[in-house]
Structures are given as structure tokens and as C-alpha cells.
Amino acid sequence: MPQFAVHRNRNARTAGLYPYLLDIQNDLLDDLKTRLVAPLHRVCDLTRKPLDRLMPVITIDGERYAVMTPLMAAIASSELGEIVGDASQHRSEIVEAVDFLVVGV
């Protein structure tokens, strides 16, 4: 599975709030049965502006989404929905957000 692929969220409980999941896991770990993902939340539905360094904003089909790095989780690869986009052009912002979350810098 390609790193930074945007997948449709197939989980009926969370898809309304987070319609997409961003695959953050490196492709070198494709043999694992899980993938590290961050849910994507519509910026227009947020109650406040996302923190730039922690939640970078990407565009999918003309709509802006915040990468919710504080909500990252591992899910079974088999649970990922179809790929609907590619966020690799935002690689540096996404990696910096994960670093900020984990390391604080």
C-alpha cells in the first residue's frame, strides 16, 4: 500500500466525521498486517482552526481536510477502503506534524 495514499473510511461509526484515512506508514513495512493511519476531518466542520504544525491541511476533490495526527491509529490493512487520492505532495508537512506530535519539535 502506498504511503500517503488517501483511503475512503469504511467504518460506518466514524465515516461521517472522518470520511477519509491517510496512510502514513512507510512502504518498507508492507508485510505488516496493519497500517498507521490518520483520519481526515473537513476543515469547514472544525470548531476552531487546526494547528498548522500538528494538523496540516490537504485538499481532496476540492475540499480542505485537516490531517488529525493526534488521532493516528493502526488498523488492519484489510479494513482500508479504496484509494481516492494521493497526499505525497504534502509529505514534508505530514512528517513534520508526526515529529511534532511525538518529539515536540
N, C-alpha and C. Protein backbone atom coordinates (compact mmCIF):
# COMPACT_ATOMS: atom_id res chain seq x y z
N MET A 1 0.85 -1.18 0.00
CA MET A 1 0.00 0.00 0.00
C MET A 1 0.89 1.24 0.00
N PRO A 2 0.59 2.19 -0.83
CA PRO A 2 1.47 3.37 -0.91
C PRO A 2 1.32 4.32 0.28
N GLN A 3 2.48 4.75 0.79
CA GLN A 3 2.47 5.75 1.84
C GLN A 3 1.85 7.04 1.29
N PHE A 4 1.09 7.69 2.12
CA PHE A 4 0.37 8.94 1.82
C PHE A 4 -0.81 8.75 0.88
N ALA A 5 -1.25 7.51 0.69
CA ALA A 5 -2.50 7.27 -0.04
C ALA A 5 -3.67 7.69 0.84
N VAL A 6 -4.68 8.27 0.23
CA VAL A 6 -5.90 8.65 0.94
C VAL A 6 -6.94 7.57 0.63
N HIS A 7 -7.46 6.95 1.67
CA HIS A 7 -8.44 5.87 1.54
C HIS A 7 -9.80 6.34 2.03
N ARG A 8 -10.83 5.82 1.42
CA ARG A 8 -12.18 6.04 1.92
C ARG A 8 -12.30 5.29 3.27
N ASN A 9 -12.92 5.93 4.24
CA ASN A 9 -13.14 5.31 5.54
C ASN A 9 -14.35 4.39 5.46
N ARG A 10 -14.13 3.10 5.64
CA ARG A 10 -15.21 2.11 5.54
C ARG A 10 -15.92 1.88 6.87
N ASN A 11 -15.44 2.47 7.94
CA ASN A 11 -16.05 2.27 9.25
C ASN A 11 -17.32 3.12 9.37
N ALA A 12 -18.46 2.48 9.46
CA ALA A 12 -19.75 3.18 9.49
C ALA A 12 -19.88 4.10 10.71
N ARG A 13 -19.23 3.76 11.81
CA ARG A 13 -19.32 4.57 13.03
C ARG A 13 -18.56 5.89 12.91
N THR A 14 -17.48 5.91 12.13
CA THR A 14 -16.63 7.11 12.10
C THR A 14 -16.59 7.83 10.76
N ALA A 15 -17.12 7.21 9.71
CA ALA A 15 -17.01 7.78 8.36
C ALA A 15 -17.71 9.13 8.21
N GLY A 16 -18.75 9.39 8.97
CA GLY A 16 -19.43 10.67 8.88
C GLY A 16 -18.54 11.83 9.32
N LEU A 17 -17.77 11.61 10.37
CA LEU A 17 -16.88 12.64 10.90
C LEU A 17 -15.54 12.65 10.18
N TYR A 18 -15.06 11.45 9.83
CA TYR A 18 -13.77 11.29 9.17
C TYR A 18 -13.97 10.46 7.90
N PRO A 19 -14.33 11.08 6.80
CA PRO A 19 -14.66 10.32 5.59
C PRO A 19 -13.46 9.65 4.93
N TYR A 20 -12.25 10.12 5.27
CA TYR A 20 -11.04 9.56 4.66
C TYR A 20 -10.00 9.25 5.72
N LEU A 21 -9.13 8.29 5.38
CA LEU A 21 -7.99 7.94 6.22
C LEU A 21 -6.72 8.10 5.39
N LEU A 22 -5.72 8.73 5.99
CA LEU A 22 -4.44 8.94 5.32
C LEU A 22 -3.46 7.89 5.82
N ASP A 23 -2.93 7.09 4.91
CA ASP A 23 -1.94 6.06 5.23
C ASP A 23 -0.60 6.76 5.43
N ILE A 24 -0.06 6.67 6.64
CA ILE A 24 1.18 7.35 6.97
C ILE A 24 2.37 6.38 7.01
N GLN A 25 2.08 5.11 7.07
CA GLN A 25 3.13 4.10 7.25
C GLN A 25 4.03 3.97 6.04
N ASN A 26 5.32 3.78 6.29
CA ASN A 26 6.30 3.62 5.23
C ASN A 26 6.08 2.32 4.46
N ASP A 27 6.29 2.38 3.16
CA ASP A 27 6.08 1.21 2.29
C ASP A 27 7.02 0.05 2.61
N LEU A 28 8.14 0.33 3.27
CA LEU A 28 9.07 -0.75 3.65
C LEU A 28 8.42 -1.76 4.60
N LEU A 29 7.34 -1.34 5.24
CA LEU A 29 6.65 -2.20 6.22
C LEU A 29 5.36 -2.80 5.66
N ASP A 30 5.30 -2.96 4.36
CA ASP A 30 4.10 -3.52 3.72
C ASP A 30 3.76 -4.93 4.17
N ASP A 31 4.74 -5.68 4.68
CA ASP A 31 4.48 -7.05 5.11
C ASP A 31 3.66 -7.12 6.40
N LEU A 32 3.60 -6.01 7.14
CA LEU A 32 2.76 -6.00 8.35
C LEU A 32 1.30 -6.07 7.95
N LYS A 33 0.48 -6.61 8.80
CA LYS A 33 -0.94 -6.74 8.50
C LYS A 33 -1.73 -5.50 8.94
N THR A 34 -1.01 -4.50 9.43
CA THR A 34 -1.65 -3.25 9.86
C THR A 34 -1.01 -2.07 9.15
N ARG A 35 -1.74 -0.95 9.15
CA ARG A 35 -1.22 0.30 8.59
C ARG A 35 -1.51 1.41 9.60
N LEU A 36 -0.56 2.33 9.74
CA LEU A 36 -0.75 3.50 10.59
C LEU A 36 -1.47 4.56 9.76
N VAL A 37 -2.61 5.00 10.25
CA VAL A 37 -3.41 5.97 9.50
C VAL A 37 -3.77 7.15 10.40
N ALA A 38 -4.04 8.28 9.75
CA ALA A 38 -4.57 9.46 10.42
C ALA A 38 -5.90 9.80 9.77
N PRO A 39 -6.95 9.98 10.56
CA PRO A 39 -8.23 10.36 9.96
C PRO A 39 -8.16 11.79 9.42
N LEU A 40 -8.96 12.05 8.41
CA LEU A 40 -9.06 13.39 7.82
C LEU A 40 -10.42 13.99 8.17
N HIS A 41 -10.40 15.21 8.65
CA HIS A 41 -11.61 15.91 9.09
C HIS A 41 -11.81 17.15 8.23
N ARG A 42 -13.02 17.39 7.76
CA ARG A 42 -13.31 18.58 6.95
C ARG A 42 -12.98 19.83 7.76
N VAL A 43 -12.18 20.70 7.19
CA VAL A 43 -11.79 21.94 7.87
C VAL A 43 -13.02 22.79 8.17
N CYS A 44 -13.96 22.85 7.25
CA CYS A 44 -15.16 23.68 7.44
C CYS A 44 -16.03 23.20 8.61
N ASP A 45 -15.86 21.96 9.05
CA ASP A 45 -16.65 21.41 10.16
C ASP A 45 -15.93 21.48 11.50
N LEU A 46 -14.68 21.94 11.51
CA LEU A 46 -13.94 22.06 12.76
C LEU A 46 -14.47 23.23 13.57
N THR A 47 -14.45 23.11 14.89
CA THR A 47 -14.93 24.20 15.74
C THR A 47 -13.90 25.30 15.90
N ARG A 48 -12.63 24.98 15.59
CA ARG A 48 -11.59 26.01 15.58
C ARG A 48 -10.54 25.67 14.54
N LYS A 49 -9.73 26.65 14.21
CA LYS A 49 -8.70 26.50 13.18
C LYS A 49 -7.70 25.42 13.62
N PRO A 50 -7.34 24.50 12.70
CA PRO A 50 -6.37 23.47 13.08
C PRO A 50 -4.98 24.07 13.31
N LEU A 51 -4.24 23.51 14.24
CA LEU A 51 -2.87 23.94 14.48
C LEU A 51 -2.02 23.51 13.30
N ASP A 52 -1.43 24.47 12.62
CA ASP A 52 -0.69 24.20 11.38
C ASP A 52 0.37 23.12 11.53
N ARG A 53 1.19 23.20 12.55
CA ARG A 53 2.29 22.24 12.71
C ARG A 53 1.80 20.86 13.11
N LEU A 54 0.65 20.78 13.75
CA LEU A 54 0.14 19.49 14.24
C LEU A 54 -0.86 18.86 13.29
N MET A 55 -1.64 19.67 12.60
CA MET A 55 -2.69 19.17 11.74
C MET A 55 -2.64 19.86 10.37
N PRO A 56 -1.73 19.43 9.50
CA PRO A 56 -1.65 20.07 8.19
C PRO A 56 -2.95 19.89 7.41
N VAL A 57 -3.20 20.81 6.52
CA VAL A 57 -4.43 20.79 5.71
C VAL A 57 -4.07 20.33 4.30
N ILE A 58 -4.85 19.37 3.80
CA ILE A 58 -4.70 18.89 2.43
C ILE A 58 -6.04 19.03 1.72
N THR A 59 -6.02 19.00 0.39
CA THR A 59 -7.24 19.14 -0.39
C THR A 59 -7.54 17.83 -1.11
N ILE A 60 -8.80 17.40 -1.01
CA ILE A 60 -9.28 16.22 -1.71
C ILE A 60 -10.56 16.61 -2.43
N ASP A 61 -10.59 16.39 -3.73
CA ASP A 61 -11.75 16.75 -4.54
C ASP A 61 -12.24 18.17 -4.27
N GLY A 62 -11.31 19.09 -4.16
CA GLY A 62 -11.66 20.49 -3.97
C GLY A 62 -12.07 20.88 -2.57
N GLU A 63 -12.06 19.95 -1.63
CA GLU A 63 -12.45 20.25 -0.25
C GLU A 63 -11.23 20.11 0.66
N ARG A 64 -11.13 21.00 1.63
CA ARG A 64 -9.98 21.01 2.53
C ARG A 64 -10.23 20.12 3.75
N TYR A 65 -9.21 19.32 4.08
CA TYR A 65 -9.27 18.39 5.22
C TYR A 65 -8.04 18.57 6.10
N ALA A 66 -8.24 18.51 7.41
CA ALA A 66 -7.15 18.54 8.37
C ALA A 66 -6.71 17.11 8.64
N VAL A 67 -5.40 16.89 8.60
CA VAL A 67 -4.83 15.59 8.95
C VAL A 67 -4.78 15.54 10.48
N MET A 68 -5.58 14.67 11.06
CA MET A 68 -5.73 14.61 12.51
C MET A 68 -4.66 13.71 13.13
N THR A 69 -3.41 14.21 13.13
CA THR A 69 -2.31 13.40 13.64
C THR A 69 -2.50 12.97 15.10
N PRO A 70 -3.15 13.76 15.98
CA PRO A 70 -3.35 13.29 17.35
C PRO A 70 -4.25 12.05 17.44
N LEU A 71 -4.96 11.75 16.36
CA LEU A 71 -5.87 10.60 16.36
C LEU A 71 -5.33 9.43 15.56
N MET A 72 -4.04 9.44 15.25
CA MET A 72 -3.45 8.33 14.48
C MET A 72 -3.68 7.01 15.20
N ALA A 73 -3.85 5.96 14.40
CA ALA A 73 -4.05 4.62 14.96
C ALA A 73 -3.65 3.59 13.91
N ALA A 74 -3.34 2.41 14.37
CA ALA A 74 -3.07 1.30 13.45
C ALA A 74 -4.38 0.57 13.22
N ILE A 75 -4.66 0.25 11.97
CA ILE A 75 -5.83 -0.56 11.65
C ILE A 75 -5.38 -1.68 10.71
N ALA A 76 -6.18 -2.71 10.65
CA ALA A 76 -5.88 -3.82 9.75
C ALA A 76 -5.88 -3.31 8.31
N SER A 77 -4.89 -3.73 7.55
CA SER A 77 -4.81 -3.33 6.14
C SER A 77 -6.08 -3.68 5.40
N SER A 78 -6.68 -4.79 5.77
CA SER A 78 -7.89 -5.25 5.10
C SER A 78 -9.09 -4.33 5.36
N GLU A 79 -8.99 -3.45 6.35
CA GLU A 79 -10.09 -2.54 6.68
C GLU A 79 -10.02 -1.22 5.90
N LEU A 80 -8.93 -1.00 5.18
CA LEU A 80 -8.83 0.23 4.41
C LEU A 80 -9.75 0.19 3.20
N GLY A 81 -10.40 1.30 2.96
CA GLY A 81 -11.26 1.41 1.79
C GLY A 81 -10.45 1.72 0.54
N GLU A 82 -11.15 1.96 -0.53
CA GLU A 82 -10.49 2.24 -1.81
C GLU A 82 -9.63 3.50 -1.72
N ILE A 83 -8.59 3.53 -2.51
CA ILE A 83 -7.74 4.71 -2.59
C ILE A 83 -8.45 5.76 -3.45
N VAL A 84 -8.59 6.97 -2.88
CA VAL A 84 -9.29 8.05 -3.59
C VAL A 84 -8.41 9.26 -3.83
N GLY A 85 -7.17 9.20 -3.34
CA GLY A 85 -6.28 10.34 -3.52
C GLY A 85 -4.87 10.02 -3.11
N ASP A 86 -4.00 10.99 -3.32
CA ASP A 86 -2.58 10.86 -3.01
C ASP A 86 -2.13 12.17 -2.37
N ALA A 87 -1.62 12.09 -1.15
CA ALA A 87 -1.16 13.28 -0.43
C ALA A 87 0.35 13.36 -0.37
N SER A 88 1.04 12.65 -1.23
CA SER A 88 2.51 12.63 -1.17
C SER A 88 3.12 14.01 -1.41
N GLN A 89 2.42 14.90 -2.10
CA GLN A 89 2.94 16.25 -2.30
C GLN A 89 3.00 17.02 -0.98
N HIS A 90 2.33 16.52 0.06
CA HIS A 90 2.33 17.14 1.39
C HIS A 90 3.22 16.38 2.37
N ARG A 91 4.10 15.54 1.83
CA ARG A 91 4.93 14.66 2.65
C ARG A 91 5.65 15.41 3.76
N SER A 92 6.32 16.48 3.45
CA SER A 92 7.12 17.17 4.47
C SER A 92 6.25 17.72 5.60
N GLU A 93 5.10 18.30 5.29
CA GLU A 93 4.21 18.82 6.34
C GLU A 93 3.66 17.69 7.21
N ILE A 94 3.32 16.55 6.59
CA ILE A 94 2.77 15.43 7.34
C ILE A 94 3.82 14.83 8.26
N VAL A 95 5.03 14.61 7.74
CA VAL A 95 6.11 14.05 8.55
C VAL A 95 6.46 15.02 9.69
N GLU A 96 6.50 16.32 9.41
CA GLU A 96 6.78 17.30 10.45
C GLU A 96 5.70 17.28 11.54
N ALA A 97 4.44 17.08 11.15
CA ALA A 97 3.36 17.01 12.13
C ALA A 97 3.51 15.78 13.03
N VAL A 98 3.87 14.65 12.44
CA VAL A 98 4.08 13.43 13.24
C VAL A 98 5.28 13.64 14.18
N ASP A 99 6.35 14.22 13.68
CA ASP A 99 7.51 14.52 14.52
C ASP A 99 7.12 15.45 15.67
N PHE A 100 6.34 16.47 15.37
CA PHE A 100 5.90 17.41 16.40
C PHE A 100 5.08 16.71 17.47
N LEU A 101 4.21 15.81 17.05
CA LEU A 101 3.37 15.07 17.99
C LEU A 101 4.22 14.17 18.89
N VAL A 102 5.20 13.49 18.31
CA VAL A 102 5.98 12.51 19.06
C VAL A 102 7.16 13.14 19.81
N VAL A 103 7.87 14.05 19.14
CA VAL A 103 9.10 14.59 19.70
C VAL A 103 8.90 15.98 20.30
N GLY A 104 7.93 16.72 19.78
CA GLY A 104 7.67 18.06 20.29
C GLY A 104 8.47 19.15 19.64
N VAL A 105 9.13 18.82 18.54
CA VAL A 105 9.89 19.85 17.82
C VAL A 105 9.55 19.82 16.36
